[in-house]
PDB file of N, CA and C in Angstrom:
ATOM      1  N   MET A   1     -61.360  66.905  62.811  1.00  0.00           N
ATOM      2  CA  MET A   1     -62.632  67.124  63.505  1.00  0.00           C
ATOM      3  C   MET A   1     -62.854  66.005  64.552  1.00  0.00           C
ATOM      4  N   GLU A   2     -63.205  66.364  65.718  1.00  0.00           N
ATOM      5  CA  GLU A   2     -63.374  65.412  66.816  1.00  0.00           C
ATOM      6  C   GLU A   2     -64.715  64.657  66.639  1.00  0.00           C
ATOM      7  N   ASP A   3     -64.708  63.356  66.885  1.00  0.00           N
ATOM      8  CA  ASP A   3     -65.884  62.523  66.815  1.00  0.00           C
ATOM      9  C   ASP A   3     -66.721  62.789  68.035  1.00  0.00           C
ATOM     10  N   GLN A   4     -67.900  63.389  67.865  1.00  0.00           N
ATOM     11  CA  GLN A   4     -68.767  63.724  68.975  1.00  0.00           C
ATOM     12  C   GLN A   4     -69.683  62.564  69.363  1.00  0.00           C
ATOM     13  N   SER A   5     -69.644  61.434  68.621  1.00  0.00           N
ATOM     14  CA  SER A   5     -70.539  60.334  68.963  1.00  0.00           C
ATOM     15  C   SER A   5     -70.037  59.470  70.069  1.00  0.00           C
ATOM     16  N   SER A   6     -68.787  59.588  70.484  1.00  0.00           N
ATOM     17  CA  SER A   6     -68.184  58.821  71.562  1.00  0.00           C
ATOM     18  C   SER A   6     -68.197  59.601  72.811  1.00  0.00           C
ATOM     19  N   PRO A   7     -68.274  58.898  74.005  1.00  0.00           N
ATOM     20  CA  PRO A   7     -68.177  59.621  75.267  1.00  0.00           C
ATOM     21  C   PRO A   7     -66.881  60.380  75.404  1.00  0.00           C
ATOM     22  N   VAL A   8     -66.888  61.441  76.225  1.00  0.00           N
ATOM     23  CA  VAL A   8     -65.722  62.308  76.371  1.00  0.00           C
ATOM     24  C   VAL A   8     -64.475  61.498  76.759  1.00  0.00           C
ATOM     25  N   TRP A   9     -64.601  60.584  77.720  1.00  0.00           N
ATOM     26  CA  TRP A   9     -63.412  59.824  78.155  1.00  0.00           C
ATOM     27  C   TRP A   9     -62.806  58.995  77.036  1.00  0.00           C
ATOM     28  N   ILE A  10     -63.603  58.548  76.094  1.00  0.00           N
ATOM     29  CA  ILE A  10     -63.047  57.783  74.994  1.00  0.00           C
ATOM     30  C   ILE A  10     -62.350  58.720  74.022  1.00  0.00           C
ATOM     31  N   ARG A  11     -62.948  59.901  73.763  1.00  0.00           N
ATOM     32  CA  ARG A  11     -62.240  60.891  72.934  1.00  0.00           C
ATOM     33  C   ARG A  11     -60.935  61.277  73.540  1.00  0.00           C
ATOM     34  N   ARG A  12     -60.902  61.446  74.867  1.00  0.00           N
ATOM     35  CA  ARG A  12     -59.604  61.786  75.517  1.00  0.00           C
ATOM     36  C   ARG A  12     -58.626  60.668  75.420  1.00  0.00           C
ATOM     37  N   LEU A  13     -59.098  59.440  75.509  1.00  0.00           N
ATOM     38  CA  LEU A  13     -58.226  58.241  75.393  1.00  0.00           C
ATOM     39  C   LEU A  13     -57.626  58.236  73.997  1.00  0.00           C
ATOM     40  N   ILE A  14     -58.447  58.468  72.975  1.00  0.00           N
ATOM     41  CA  ILE A  14     -57.978  58.486  71.587  1.00  0.00           C
ATOM     42  C   ILE A  14     -56.941  59.630  71.414  1.00  0.00           C
ATOM     43  N   LEU A  15     -57.245  60.784  71.908  1.00  0.00           N
ATOM     44  CA  LEU A  15     -56.353  61.916  71.797  1.00  0.00           C
ATOM     45  C   LEU A  15     -55.048  61.614  72.496  1.00  0.00           C
ATOM     46  N   HIS A  16     -55.120  61.097  73.736  1.00  0.00           N
ATOM     47  CA  HIS A  16     -53.912  60.775  74.485  1.00  0.00           C
ATOM     48  C   HIS A  16     -53.084  59.703  73.718  1.00  0.00           C
ATOM     49  N   SER A  17     -53.734  58.735  73.148  1.00  0.00           N
ATOM     50  CA  SER A  17     -53.066  57.707  72.377  1.00  0.00           C
ATOM     51  C   SER A  17     -52.312  58.327  71.198  1.00  0.00           C
ATOM     52  N   LYS A  18     -52.933  59.295  70.548  1.00  0.00           N
ATOM     53  CA  LYS A  18     -52.290  59.965  69.410  1.00  0.00           C
ATOM     54  C   LYS A  18     -51.050  60.767  69.897  1.00  0.00           C
ATOM     55  N   GLU A  19     -51.190  61.429  71.046  1.00  0.00           N
ATOM     56  CA  GLU A  19     -50.121  62.266  71.563  1.00  0.00           C
ATOM     57  C   GLU A  19     -48.943  61.418  72.030  1.00  0.00           C
ATOM     58  N   SER A  20     -49.184  60.138  72.454  1.00  0.00           N
ATOM     59  CA  SER A  20     -48.092  59.299  72.958  1.00  0.00           C
ATOM     60  C   SER A  20     -47.662  58.301  71.896  1.00  0.00           C
ATOM     61  N   LEU A  21     -47.758  58.675  70.647  1.00  0.00           N
ATOM     62  CA  LEU A  21     -47.348  57.811  69.536  1.00  0.00           C
ATOM     63  C   LEU A  21     -45.893  57.377  69.646  1.00  0.00           C
ATOM     64  N   ALA A  22     -45.026  58.249  70.198  1.00  0.00           N
ATOM     65  CA  ALA A  22     -43.638  57.881  70.345  1.00  0.00           C
ATOM     66  C   ALA A  22     -43.459  56.718  71.343  1.00  0.00           C
ATOM     67  N   MET A  23     -44.457  56.489  72.205  1.00  0.00           N
ATOM     68  CA  MET A  23     -44.369  55.389  73.121  1.00  0.00           C
ATOM     69  C   MET A  23     -45.041  54.161  72.616  1.00  0.00           C
ATOM     70  N   GLY A  24     -45.700  54.213  71.494  1.00  0.00           N
ATOM     71  CA  GLY A  24     -46.425  53.077  70.991  1.00  0.00           C
ATOM     72  C   GLY A  24     -47.815  53.518  70.661  1.00  0.00           C
ATOM     73  N   ARG A  25     -48.595  52.609  70.083  1.00  0.00           N
ATOM     74  CA  ARG A  25     -49.984  52.994  69.723  1.00  0.00           C
ATOM     75  C   ARG A  25     -50.853  51.749  69.782  1.00  0.00           C
ATOM     76  N   PHE A  26     -52.107  51.992  70.076  1.00  0.00           N
ATOM     77  CA  PHE A  26     -53.110  50.919  69.994  1.00  0.00           C
ATOM     78  C   PHE A  26     -53.711  50.914  68.592  1.00  0.00           C
ATOM     79  N   HIS A  27     -53.744  49.776  67.958  1.00  0.00           N
ATOM     80  CA  HIS A  27     -54.313  49.651  66.621  1.00  0.00           C
ATOM     81  C   HIS A  27     -55.588  48.800  66.761  1.00  0.00           C
ATOM     82  N   ILE A  28     -56.750  49.366  66.390  1.00  0.00           N
ATOM     83  CA  ILE A  28     -58.001  48.644  66.408  1.00  0.00           C
ATOM     84  C   ILE A  28     -58.321  48.133  65.034  1.00  0.00           C
ATOM     85  N   PHE A  29     -58.728  46.906  64.929  1.00  0.00           N
ATOM     86  CA  PHE A  29     -59.073  46.302  63.630  1.00  0.00           C
ATOM     87  C   PHE A  29     -60.171  45.266  63.806  1.00  0.00           C
ATOM     88  N   THR A  30     -60.753  44.834  62.738  1.00  0.00           N
ATOM     89  CA  THR A  30     -61.716  43.752  62.784  1.00  0.00           C
ATOM     90  C   THR A  30     -61.096  42.513  62.228  1.00  0.00           C
ATOM     91  N   ASP A  31     -61.395  41.382  62.909  1.00  0.00           N
ATOM     92  CA  ASP A  31     -60.860  40.130  62.464  1.00  0.00           C
ATOM     93  C   ASP A  31     -61.778  39.494  61.405  1.00  0.00           C
ATOM     94  N   GLY A  32     -61.397  38.305  60.944  1.00  0.00           N
ATOM     95  CA  GLY A  32     -62.155  37.630  59.892  1.00  0.00           C
ATOM     96  C   GLY A  32     -63.632  37.363  60.223  1.00  0.00           C
ATOM     97  N   GLY A  33     -63.936  37.266  61.532  1.00  0.00           N
ATOM     98  CA  GLY A  33     -65.293  37.019  61.968  1.00  0.00           C
ATOM     99  C   GLY A  33     -66.081  38.295  62.216  1.00  0.00           C
ATOM    100  N   GLY A  34     -65.442  39.461  61.999  1.00  0.00           N
ATOM    101  CA  GLY A  34     -66.098  40.765  62.212  1.00  0.00           C
ATOM    102  C   GLY A  34     -66.008  41.269  63.624  1.00  0.00           C
ATOM    103  N   ALA A  35     -65.253  40.620  64.519  1.00  0.00           N
ATOM    104  CA  ALA A  35     -65.063  41.104  65.868  1.00  0.00           C
ATOM    105  C   ALA A  35     -63.990  42.181  65.879  1.00  0.00           C
ATOM    106  N   TYR A  36     -64.136  43.130  66.817  1.00  0.00           N
ATOM    107  CA  TYR A  36     -63.116  44.176  67.001  1.00  0.00           C
ATOM    108  C   TYR A  36     -62.009  43.644  67.909  1.00  0.00           C
ATOM    109  N   ARG A  37     -60.776  43.948  67.564  1.00  0.00           N
ATOM    110  CA  ARG A  37     -59.624  43.541  68.348  1.00  0.00           C
ATOM    111  C   ARG A  37     -58.651  44.743  68.426  1.00  0.00           C
ATOM    112  N   TRP A  38     -57.712  44.701  69.335  1.00  0.00           N
ATOM    113  CA  TRP A  38     -56.674  45.723  69.361  1.00  0.00           C
ATOM    114  C   TRP A  38     -55.311  45.079  69.496  1.00  0.00           C
ATOM    115  N   ARG A  39     -54.345  45.822  68.988  1.00  0.00           N
ATOM    116  CA  ARG A  39     -52.923  45.453  69.154  1.00  0.00           C
ATOM    117  C   ARG A  39     -52.192  46.657  69.691  1.00  0.00           C
ATOM    118  N   LEU A  40     -51.241  46.457  70.601  1.00  0.00           N
ATOM    119  CA  LEU A  40     -50.341  47.502  71.083  1.00  0.00           C
ATOM    120  C   LEU A  40     -49.083  47.390  70.254  1.00  0.00           C
ATOM    121  N   VAL A  41     -48.798  48.401  69.467  1.00  0.00           N
ATOM    122  CA  VAL A  41     -47.636  48.392  68.554  1.00  0.00           C
ATOM    123  C   VAL A  41     -46.551  49.331  69.112  1.00  0.00           C
ATOM    124  N   ALA A  42     -45.350  48.789  69.213  1.00  0.00           N
ATOM    125  CA  ALA A  42     -44.205  49.595  69.716  1.00  0.00           C
ATOM    126  C   ALA A  42     -43.771  50.573  68.617  1.00  0.00           C
ATOM    127  N   PRO A  43     -42.983  51.592  68.969  1.00  0.00           N
ATOM    128  CA  PRO A  43     -42.535  52.564  67.979  1.00  0.00           C
ATOM    129  C   PRO A  43     -41.737  51.927  66.803  1.00  0.00           C
ATOM    130  N   ASN A  44     -41.168  50.744  67.039  1.00  0.00           N
ATOM    131  CA  ASN A  44     -40.392  50.066  65.984  1.00  0.00           C
ATOM    132  C   ASN A  44     -41.310  49.219  65.080  1.00  0.00           C
ATOM    133  N   GLY A  45     -42.643  49.275  65.336  1.00  0.00           N
ATOM    134  CA  GLY A  45     -43.581  48.525  64.501  1.00  0.00           C
ATOM    135  C   GLY A  45     -43.909  47.131  64.978  1.00  0.00           C
ATOM    136  N   LYS A  46     -43.228  46.668  66.028  1.00  0.00           N
ATOM    137  CA  LYS A  46     -43.485  45.297  66.523  1.00  0.00           C
ATOM    138  C   LYS A  46     -44.709  45.276  67.441  1.00  0.00           C
ATOM    139  N   ILE A  47     -45.521  44.238  67.281  1.00  0.00           N
ATOM    140  CA  ILE A  47     -46.696  44.054  68.155  1.00  0.00           C
ATOM    141  C   ILE A  47     -46.204  43.496  69.498  1.00  0.00           C
ATOM    142  N   ILE A  48     -46.514  44.242  70.593  1.00  0.00           N
ATOM    143  CA  ILE A  48     -46.038  43.830  71.894  1.00  0.00           C
ATOM    144  C   ILE A  48     -47.151  43.304  72.806  1.00  0.00           C
ATOM    145  N   ALA A  49     -48.398  43.477  72.385  1.00  0.00           N
ATOM    146  CA  ALA A  49     -49.555  42.982  73.159  1.00  0.00           C
ATOM    147  C   ALA A  49     -50.759  42.977  72.221  1.00  0.00           C
ATOM    148  N   ASP A  50     -51.734  42.122  72.578  1.00  0.00           N
ATOM    149  CA  ASP A  50     -52.976  42.136  71.797  1.00  0.00           C
ATOM    150  C   ASP A  50     -54.168  41.857  72.747  1.00  0.00           C
ATOM    151  N   SER A  51     -55.369  42.059  72.221  1.00  0.00           N
ATOM    152  CA  SER A  51     -56.543  41.947  73.037  1.00  0.00           C
ATOM    153  C   SER A  51     -56.811  40.518  73.533  1.00  0.00           C
ATOM    154  N   GLY A  52     -56.377  39.564  72.776  1.00  0.00           N
ATOM    155  CA  GLY A  52     -56.571  38.161  73.185  1.00  0.00           C
ATOM    156  C   GLY A  52     -58.036  37.679  73.052  1.00  0.00           C
ATOM    157  N   GLU A  53     -58.906  38.609  72.723  1.00  0.00           N
ATOM    158  CA  GLU A  53     -60.301  38.245  72.537  1.00  0.00           C
ATOM    159  C   GLU A  53     -60.911  39.235  71.561  1.00  0.00           C
ATOM    160  N   GLY A  54     -62.019  38.839  70.901  1.00  0.00           N
ATOM    161  CA  GLY A  54     -62.742  39.739  70.005  1.00  0.00           C
ATOM    162  C   GLY A  54     -63.866  40.429  70.804  1.00  0.00           C
ATOM    163  N   TYR A  55     -64.163  41.632  70.441  1.00  0.00           N
ATOM    164  CA  TYR A  55     -65.208  42.415  71.038  1.00  0.00           C
ATOM    165  C   TYR A  55     -66.331  42.586  70.022  1.00  0.00           C
ATOM    166  N   THR A  56     -67.553  42.621  70.507  1.00  0.00           N
ATOM    167  CA  THR A  56     -68.729  42.719  69.582  1.00  0.00           C
ATOM    168  C   THR A  56     -68.936  44.152  69.084  1.00  0.00           C
ATOM    169  N   SER A  57     -68.352  45.156  69.776  1.00  0.00           N
ATOM    170  CA  SER A  57     -68.534  46.533  69.296  1.00  0.00           C
ATOM    171  C   SER A  57     -67.185  47.244  69.449  1.00  0.00           C
ATOM    172  N   LYS A  58     -67.044  48.332  68.689  1.00  0.00           N
ATOM    173  CA  LYS A  58     -65.857  49.156  68.766  1.00  0.00           C
ATOM    174  C   LYS A  58     -65.784  49.824  70.154  1.00  0.00           C
ATOM    175  N   GLN A  59     -66.969  50.207  70.720  1.00  0.00           N
ATOM    176  CA  GLN A  59     -67.042  50.780  72.006  1.00  0.00           C
ATOM    177  C   GLN A  59     -66.421  49.842  73.062  1.00  0.00           C
ATOM    178  N   SER A  60     -66.799  48.590  73.066  1.00  0.00           N
ATOM    179  CA  SER A  60     -66.269  47.662  74.053  1.00  0.00           C
ATOM    180  C   SER A  60     -64.792  47.411  73.824  1.00  0.00           C
ATOM    181  N   CYS A  61     -64.332  47.485  72.598  1.00  0.00           N
ATOM    182  CA  CYS A  61     -62.910  47.384  72.322  1.00  0.00           C
ATOM    183  C   CYS A  61     -62.154  48.581  72.928  1.00  0.00           C
ATOM    184  N   LEU A  62     -62.701  49.770  72.758  1.00  0.00           N
ATOM    185  CA  LEU A  62     -62.110  50.954  73.343  1.00  0.00           C
ATOM    186  C   LEU A  62     -62.090  50.871  74.867  1.00  0.00           C
ATOM    187  N   GLU A  63     -63.119  50.294  75.421  1.00  0.00           N
ATOM    188  CA  GLU A  63     -63.173  50.127  76.898  1.00  0.00           C
ATOM    189  C   GLU A  63     -62.108  49.120  77.358  1.00  0.00           C
ATOM    190  N   GLY A  64     -61.848  48.086  76.543  1.00  0.00           N
ATOM    191  CA  GLY A  64     -60.771  47.143  76.847  1.00  0.00           C
ATOM    192  C   GLY A  64     -59.416  47.834  76.833  1.00  0.00           C
ATOM    193  N   ILE A  65     -59.201  48.739  75.851  1.00  0.00           N
ATOM    194  CA  ILE A  65     -57.945  49.463  75.804  1.00  0.00           C
ATOM    195  C   ILE A  65     -57.791  50.359  77.033  1.00  0.00           C
ATOM    196  N   ALA A  66     -58.902  51.028  77.400  1.00  0.00           N
ATOM    197  CA  ALA A  66     -58.889  51.911  78.592  1.00  0.00           C
ATOM    198  C   ALA A  66     -58.537  51.101  79.838  1.00  0.00           C
ATOM    199  N   ALA A  67     -59.112  49.896  79.937  1.00  0.00           N
ATOM    200  CA  ALA A  67     -58.794  49.060  81.108  1.00  0.00           C
ATOM    201  C   ALA A  67     -57.335  48.670  81.180  1.00  0.00           C
ATOM    202  N   VAL A  68     -56.751  48.347  80.019  1.00  0.00           N
ATOM    203  CA  VAL A  68     -55.307  47.984  79.944  1.00  0.00           C
ATOM    204  C   VAL A  68     -54.515  49.218  80.382  1.00  0.00           C
ATOM    205  N   LYS A  69     -54.816  50.363  79.838  1.00  0.00           N
ATOM    206  CA  LYS A  69     -54.068  51.563  80.177  1.00  0.00           C
ATOM    207  C   LYS A  69     -54.171  51.912  81.642  1.00  0.00           C
ATOM    208  N   ALA A  70     -55.354  51.712  82.227  1.00  0.00           N
ATOM    209  CA  ALA A  70     -55.560  52.021  83.629  1.00  0.00           C
ATOM    210  C   ALA A  70     -54.819  51.058  84.567  1.00  0.00           C
ATOM    211  N   HIS A  71     -54.786  49.763  84.178  1.00  0.00           N
ATOM    212  CA  HIS A  71     -54.265  48.756  85.139  1.00  0.00           C
ATOM    213  C   HIS A  71     -52.803  48.368  84.844  1.00  0.00           C
ATOM    214  N   ALA A  72     -52.278  48.651  83.689  1.00  0.00           N
ATOM    215  CA  ALA A  72     -50.926  48.201  83.365  1.00  0.00           C
ATOM    216  C   ALA A  72     -49.867  49.049  84.047  1.00  0.00           C
ATOM    217  N   GLN A  73     -50.054  50.329  84.174  1.00  0.00           N
ATOM    218  CA  GLN A  73     -49.109  51.156  84.807  1.00  0.00           C
ATOM    219  C   GLN A  73     -48.991  50.832  86.290  1.00  0.00           C
ATOM    220  N   GLY A  74     -47.844  50.417  86.723  1.00  0.00           N
ATOM    221  CA  GLY A  74     -47.641  50.047  88.098  1.00  0.00           C
ATOM    222  C   GLY A  74     -48.077  48.635  88.467  1.00  0.00           C
ATOM    223  N   ALA A  75     -48.464  47.867  87.441  1.00  0.00           N
ATOM    224  CA  ALA A  75     -48.899  46.492  87.715  1.00  0.00           C
ATOM    225  C   ALA A  75     -47.740  45.663  88.249  1.00  0.00           C
ATOM    226  N   GLU A  76     -48.060  44.791  89.186  1.00  0.00           N
ATOM    227  CA  GLU A  76     -47.069  43.910  89.795  1.00  0.00           C
ATOM    228  C   GLU A  76     -46.602  42.862  88.754  1.00  0.00           C
ATOM    229  N   ILE A  77     -45.331  42.554  88.767  1.00  0.00           N
ATOM    230  CA  ILE A  77     -44.795  41.467  87.936  1.00  0.00           C
ATOM    231  C   ILE A  77     -44.627  40.255  88.824  1.00  0.00           C
ATOM    232  N   VAL A  78     -45.227  39.132  88.429  1.00  0.00           N
ATOM    233  CA  VAL A  78     -45.128  37.870  89.206  1.00  0.00           C
ATOM    234  C   VAL A  78     -44.640  36.783  88.269  1.00  0.00           C
ATOM    235  N   THR A  79     -44.043  35.777  88.859  1.00  0.00           N
ATOM    236  CA  THR A  79     -43.592  34.642  88.125  1.00  0.00           C
ATOM    237  C   THR A  79     -43.940  33.344  88.878  1.00  0.00           C
ATOM    238  N   ASP A  80     -44.196  32.282  88.158  1.00  0.00           N
ATOM    239  CA  ASP A  80     -44.440  30.997  88.815  1.00  0.00           C
ATOM    240  C   ASP A  80     -43.289  30.056  88.626  1.00  0.00           C
ATOM    241  N   THR A  81     -42.133  30.603  88.151  1.00  0.00           N
ATOM    242  CA  THR A  81     -40.939  29.801  87.968  1.00  0.00           C
ATOM    243  C   THR A  81     -40.119  29.809  89.235  1.00  0.00           C
ATOM    244  N   PRO A  82     -39.922  28.650  89.904  1.00  0.00           N
ATOM    245  CA  PRO A  82     -39.141  28.620  91.150  1.00  0.00           C
ATOM    246  C   PRO A  82     -37.728  29.171  90.968  1.00  0.00           C
ATOM    247  N   GLY A  83     -37.283  29.969  91.901  1.00  0.00           N
ATOM    248  CA  GLY A  83     -35.927  30.476  91.910  1.00  0.00           C
ATOM    249  C   GLY A  83     -35.744  31.732  91.011  1.00  0.00           C
ATOM    250  N   ILE A  84     -36.778  32.121  90.291  1.00  0.00           N
ATOM    251  CA  ILE A  84     -36.685  33.333  89.469  1.00  0.00           C
ATOM    252  C   ILE A  84     -37.484  34.413  90.116  1.00  0.00           C
ATOM    253  N   GLN A  85     -36.829  35.513  90.400  1.00  0.00           N
ATOM    254  CA  GLN A  85     -37.560  36.659  90.964  1.00  0.00           C
ATOM    255  C   GLN A  85     -37.907  37.675  89.864  1.00  0.00           C
ATOM    256  N   ALA A  86     -39.110  38.207  89.937  1.00  0.00           N
ATOM    257  CA  ALA A  86     -39.521  39.181  88.932  1.00  0.00           C
ATOM    258  C   ALA A  86     -38.884  40.511  89.149  1.00  0.00           C
TER     259      ALA A  86
END
């Protein structure tokens, strides 16, 4: 049953995340202080990214995930190491 308490775009984000499980998944959890955090878990179970910050609500955590998904695809790779090209 679909959760009707969340905005449509968040329900679509969750559905899309479930459908793309073979590519990895976002895992939302609460830390020891009660803040919401996310981890991006690869298909092999390894954590490949995390929120880096705690969110005060699950809603804001979901918005953080949506921002990563929106901005990561096609993001420029830069390096500050001289002589190394990205």
